[in-house]
C-alpha cells in the first residue's frame, strides 16, 4: 500500500493500542514499515537504536509499506520484534 493508505489504516486500527493479542502480547505501538526486505531491515535496525518510528519512516514514504502492531518494550529493551500485520 502507499503511505497515505497506511496512515488511514493506522487511524482505523488505533483502537488496538492497549489490547492484547491471542498470545498475550500487549499492543502499544503501530508502525508503518517498508515492504521491501532490505528497506525493512534497515528501518528496523535504525528503529531499535533511535526509537523514532515516525521520523525514520520519512525516507521510505515513496516505498510500498504495510502497517504493523507491536509492543515497544520488547522492541526497544530486548531487540525483539513481535508484529501483527
N, C-alpha and C. Protein backbone atom coordinates (compact mmCIF):
# COMPACT_ATOMS: atom_id res chain seq x y z
N UNK A 1 0.84 -1.18 0.00
CA UNK A 1 0.00 0.00 0.00
C UNK A 1 0.88 1.24 0.00
N UNK A 2 0.32 2.34 -0.33
CA UNK A 2 1.07 3.59 -0.31
C UNK A 2 0.94 4.22 1.08
N UNK A 3 1.82 5.17 1.35
CA UNK A 3 1.93 5.77 2.68
C UNK A 3 0.61 6.37 3.17
N UNK A 4 -0.09 7.09 2.30
CA UNK A 4 -1.35 7.72 2.74
C UNK A 4 -2.39 6.67 3.13
N UNK A 5 -2.40 5.53 2.43
CA UNK A 5 -3.31 4.45 2.80
C UNK A 5 -2.92 3.87 4.15
N UNK A 6 -1.61 3.79 4.40
CA UNK A 6 -1.14 3.28 5.69
C UNK A 6 -1.58 4.19 6.83
N UNK A 7 -1.51 5.49 6.61
CA UNK A 7 -1.96 6.43 7.64
C UNK A 7 -3.45 6.26 7.93
N UNK A 8 -4.24 6.03 6.89
CA UNK A 8 -5.67 5.80 7.08
C UNK A 8 -5.91 4.50 7.86
N UNK A 9 -5.13 3.47 7.55
CA UNK A 9 -5.27 2.20 8.26
C UNK A 9 -4.89 2.35 9.73
N UNK A 10 -3.84 3.11 10.00
CA UNK A 10 -3.44 3.36 11.39
C UNK A 10 -4.59 4.05 12.13
N UNK A 11 -5.21 5.00 11.50
CA UNK A 11 -6.33 5.71 12.13
C UNK A 11 -7.45 4.72 12.48
N UNK A 12 -7.70 3.78 11.60
CA UNK A 12 -8.74 2.78 11.84
C UNK A 12 -8.34 1.79 12.93
N UNK A 13 -7.05 1.52 13.05
CA UNK A 13 -6.55 0.50 13.97
C UNK A 13 -6.08 1.04 15.32
N UNK A 14 -6.19 2.34 15.54
CA UNK A 14 -5.73 2.92 16.81
C UNK A 14 -6.39 2.27 18.02
N UNK A 15 -7.57 1.74 17.83
CA UNK A 15 -8.28 1.10 18.94
C UNK A 15 -7.56 -0.17 19.43
N UNK A 16 -6.61 -0.68 18.65
CA UNK A 16 -5.84 -1.85 19.07
C UNK A 16 -4.84 -1.52 20.19
N UNK A 17 -4.43 -0.27 20.27
CA UNK A 17 -3.45 0.12 21.29
C UNK A 17 -4.07 -0.11 22.66
N UNK A 18 -3.31 -0.83 23.50
CA UNK A 18 -3.78 -1.17 24.83
C UNK A 18 -4.47 -2.52 24.92
N UNK A 19 -4.65 -3.18 23.78
CA UNK A 19 -5.25 -4.51 23.78
C UNK A 19 -4.15 -5.56 23.71
N UNK A 20 -4.52 -6.81 23.89
CA UNK A 20 -3.55 -7.89 23.79
C UNK A 20 -3.94 -8.84 22.67
N UNK A 21 -2.92 -9.48 22.09
CA UNK A 21 -3.16 -10.46 21.04
C UNK A 21 -3.63 -11.77 21.67
N UNK A 22 -3.99 -12.73 20.84
CA UNK A 22 -4.40 -14.05 21.32
C UNK A 22 -3.31 -14.72 22.14
N UNK A 23 -2.05 -14.36 21.88
CA UNK A 23 -0.92 -14.96 22.60
C UNK A 23 -0.46 -14.11 23.78
N UNK A 24 -1.22 -13.06 24.10
CA UNK A 24 -0.94 -12.27 25.28
C UNK A 24 0.01 -11.10 25.10
N UNK A 25 0.35 -10.75 23.87
CA UNK A 25 1.24 -9.62 23.60
C UNK A 25 0.45 -8.32 23.68
N UNK A 26 0.91 -7.41 24.52
CA UNK A 26 0.27 -6.11 24.63
C UNK A 26 0.67 -5.25 23.43
N UNK A 27 -0.29 -4.72 22.73
CA UNK A 27 -0.03 -3.84 21.60
C UNK A 27 0.00 -2.41 22.11
N UNK A 28 1.13 -1.74 21.91
CA UNK A 28 1.22 -0.34 22.34
C UNK A 28 1.91 0.54 21.30
N UNK A 29 2.13 -0.01 20.11
CA UNK A 29 2.80 0.74 19.05
C UNK A 29 2.30 0.24 17.70
N UNK A 30 1.92 1.17 16.84
CA UNK A 30 1.53 0.83 15.47
C UNK A 30 2.50 1.54 14.54
N UNK A 31 3.13 0.77 13.65
CA UNK A 31 4.20 1.26 12.79
C UNK A 31 3.84 1.18 11.32
N UNK A 32 4.37 2.09 10.54
CA UNK A 32 4.39 1.98 9.09
C UNK A 32 5.77 1.46 8.74
N UNK A 33 5.83 0.34 8.02
CA UNK A 33 7.08 -0.36 7.75
C UNK A 33 7.21 -0.62 6.25
N UNK A 34 8.41 -0.40 5.67
CA UNK A 34 8.59 -0.71 4.25
C UNK A 34 8.39 -2.20 3.98
N UNK A 35 7.80 -2.53 2.86
CA UNK A 35 7.59 -3.93 2.49
C UNK A 35 8.88 -4.58 2.00
N UNK A 36 9.67 -3.86 1.23
CA UNK A 36 10.93 -4.39 0.71
C UNK A 36 11.79 -4.87 1.87
N UNK A 37 12.27 -6.10 1.79
CA UNK A 37 13.02 -6.72 2.88
C UNK A 37 14.25 -5.92 3.28
N UNK A 38 15.03 -5.47 2.33
CA UNK A 38 16.24 -4.70 2.65
C UNK A 38 15.90 -3.37 3.32
N UNK A 39 14.91 -2.67 2.79
CA UNK A 39 14.49 -1.41 3.38
C UNK A 39 13.90 -1.64 4.77
N UNK A 40 13.13 -2.71 4.91
CA UNK A 40 12.51 -3.03 6.21
C UNK A 40 13.58 -3.31 7.26
N UNK A 41 14.59 -4.11 6.89
CA UNK A 41 15.67 -4.41 7.83
C UNK A 41 16.41 -3.15 8.24
N UNK A 42 16.66 -2.28 7.29
CA UNK A 42 17.32 -1.01 7.58
C UNK A 42 16.46 -0.17 8.53
N UNK A 43 15.18 -0.11 8.26
CA UNK A 43 14.25 0.65 9.10
C UNK A 43 14.23 0.09 10.53
N UNK A 44 14.11 -1.22 10.66
CA UNK A 44 14.02 -1.84 11.99
C UNK A 44 15.33 -1.69 12.76
N UNK A 45 16.45 -1.89 12.09
CA UNK A 45 17.75 -1.70 12.76
C UNK A 45 17.87 -0.29 13.32
N UNK A 46 17.51 0.70 12.52
CA UNK A 46 17.57 2.09 12.98
C UNK A 46 16.53 2.38 14.06
N UNK A 47 15.39 1.75 13.95
CA UNK A 47 14.33 1.95 14.92
C UNK A 47 14.75 1.49 16.31
N UNK A 48 15.39 0.35 16.39
CA UNK A 48 15.84 -0.18 17.68
C UNK A 48 16.80 0.79 18.35
N UNK A 49 17.62 1.47 17.56
CA UNK A 49 18.60 2.41 18.12
C UNK A 49 17.96 3.76 18.45
N UNK A 50 17.16 4.29 17.54
CA UNK A 50 16.67 5.67 17.71
C UNK A 50 15.31 5.78 18.42
N UNK A 51 14.51 4.74 18.31
CA UNK A 51 13.16 4.74 18.90
C UNK A 51 12.30 5.88 18.36
N UNK A 52 12.49 6.19 17.09
CA UNK A 52 11.74 7.27 16.45
C UNK A 52 11.05 6.77 15.18
N UNK A 53 9.99 5.97 15.31
CA UNK A 53 9.38 5.36 14.13
C UNK A 53 8.83 6.37 13.13
N UNK A 54 8.30 7.47 13.62
CA UNK A 54 7.68 8.43 12.71
C UNK A 54 8.72 9.24 11.95
N UNK A 55 9.83 9.50 12.58
CA UNK A 55 10.92 10.21 11.92
C UNK A 55 11.65 9.29 10.92
N UNK A 56 11.83 8.04 11.30
CA UNK A 56 12.57 7.10 10.46
C UNK A 56 11.83 6.69 9.19
N UNK A 57 10.51 6.74 9.20
CA UNK A 57 9.76 6.30 8.02
C UNK A 57 9.82 7.32 6.89
N UNK A 58 10.17 8.56 7.19
CA UNK A 58 10.16 9.63 6.18
C UNK A 58 10.91 9.25 4.90
N UNK A 59 12.13 8.69 4.96
CA UNK A 59 12.83 8.36 3.71
C UNK A 59 12.13 7.26 2.90
N UNK A 60 11.21 6.54 3.52
CA UNK A 60 10.56 5.41 2.85
C UNK A 60 9.13 5.72 2.43
N UNK A 61 8.71 6.97 2.54
CA UNK A 61 7.34 7.35 2.21
C UNK A 61 6.97 6.98 0.78
N UNK A 62 7.92 7.03 -0.14
CA UNK A 62 7.65 6.68 -1.53
C UNK A 62 7.66 5.18 -1.79
N UNK A 63 8.00 4.39 -0.80
CA UNK A 63 8.06 2.93 -0.96
C UNK A 63 6.71 2.30 -0.64
N UNK A 64 6.53 1.07 -1.09
CA UNK A 64 5.36 0.31 -0.66
C UNK A 64 5.55 -0.01 0.81
N UNK A 65 4.49 0.15 1.59
CA UNK A 65 4.57 -0.05 3.03
C UNK A 65 3.42 -0.92 3.52
N UNK A 66 3.56 -1.37 4.77
CA UNK A 66 2.49 -2.06 5.46
C UNK A 66 2.45 -1.56 6.89
N UNK A 67 1.39 -1.91 7.59
CA UNK A 67 1.20 -1.44 8.95
C UNK A 67 1.33 -2.63 9.90
N UNK A 68 2.13 -2.43 10.95
CA UNK A 68 2.34 -3.47 11.96
C UNK A 68 1.91 -2.95 13.31
N UNK A 69 1.33 -3.81 14.11
CA UNK A 69 1.05 -3.53 15.51
C UNK A 69 2.04 -4.35 16.33
N UNK A 70 2.64 -3.74 17.35
CA UNK A 70 3.68 -4.43 18.11
C UNK A 70 3.74 -3.90 19.54
N UNK A 71 4.73 -4.39 20.28
CA UNK A 71 4.96 -3.96 21.66
C UNK A 71 6.32 -3.28 21.72
N UNK A 72 6.34 -2.02 22.11
CA UNK A 72 7.58 -1.25 22.11
C UNK A 72 8.57 -1.71 23.18
N UNK A 73 8.09 -2.25 24.29
CA UNK A 73 9.01 -2.72 25.33
C UNK A 73 9.90 -3.85 24.81
N UNK A 74 9.30 -4.84 24.16
CA UNK A 74 10.09 -5.93 23.58
C UNK A 74 11.05 -5.39 22.52
N UNK A 75 10.54 -4.51 21.69
CA UNK A 75 11.35 -3.98 20.59
C UNK A 75 12.54 -3.17 21.10
N UNK A 76 12.30 -2.21 21.95
CA UNK A 76 13.34 -1.29 22.36
C UNK A 76 14.24 -1.84 23.47
N UNK A 77 13.70 -2.59 24.38
CA UNK A 77 14.50 -3.06 25.52
C UNK A 77 15.20 -4.38 25.24
N UNK A 78 14.56 -5.24 24.44
CA UNK A 78 15.12 -6.55 24.21
C UNK A 78 15.52 -6.80 22.76
N UNK A 79 15.20 -5.87 21.89
CA UNK A 79 15.54 -6.03 20.48
C UNK A 79 14.74 -7.12 19.79
N UNK A 80 13.57 -7.42 20.32
CA UNK A 80 12.71 -8.46 19.75
C UNK A 80 11.49 -7.79 19.14
N UNK A 81 11.21 -8.12 17.90
CA UNK A 81 10.07 -7.52 17.21
C UNK A 81 9.00 -8.58 17.00
N UNK A 82 7.93 -8.45 17.76
CA UNK A 82 6.73 -9.23 17.52
C UNK A 82 5.82 -8.31 16.72
N UNK A 83 5.25 -8.81 15.67
CA UNK A 83 4.37 -7.94 14.90
C UNK A 83 3.12 -8.66 14.49
N UNK A 84 2.10 -7.86 14.31
CA UNK A 84 0.83 -8.32 13.80
C UNK A 84 0.50 -7.40 12.65
N UNK A 85 0.46 -7.91 11.43
CA UNK A 85 0.20 -7.04 10.29
C UNK A 85 -1.25 -7.11 9.87
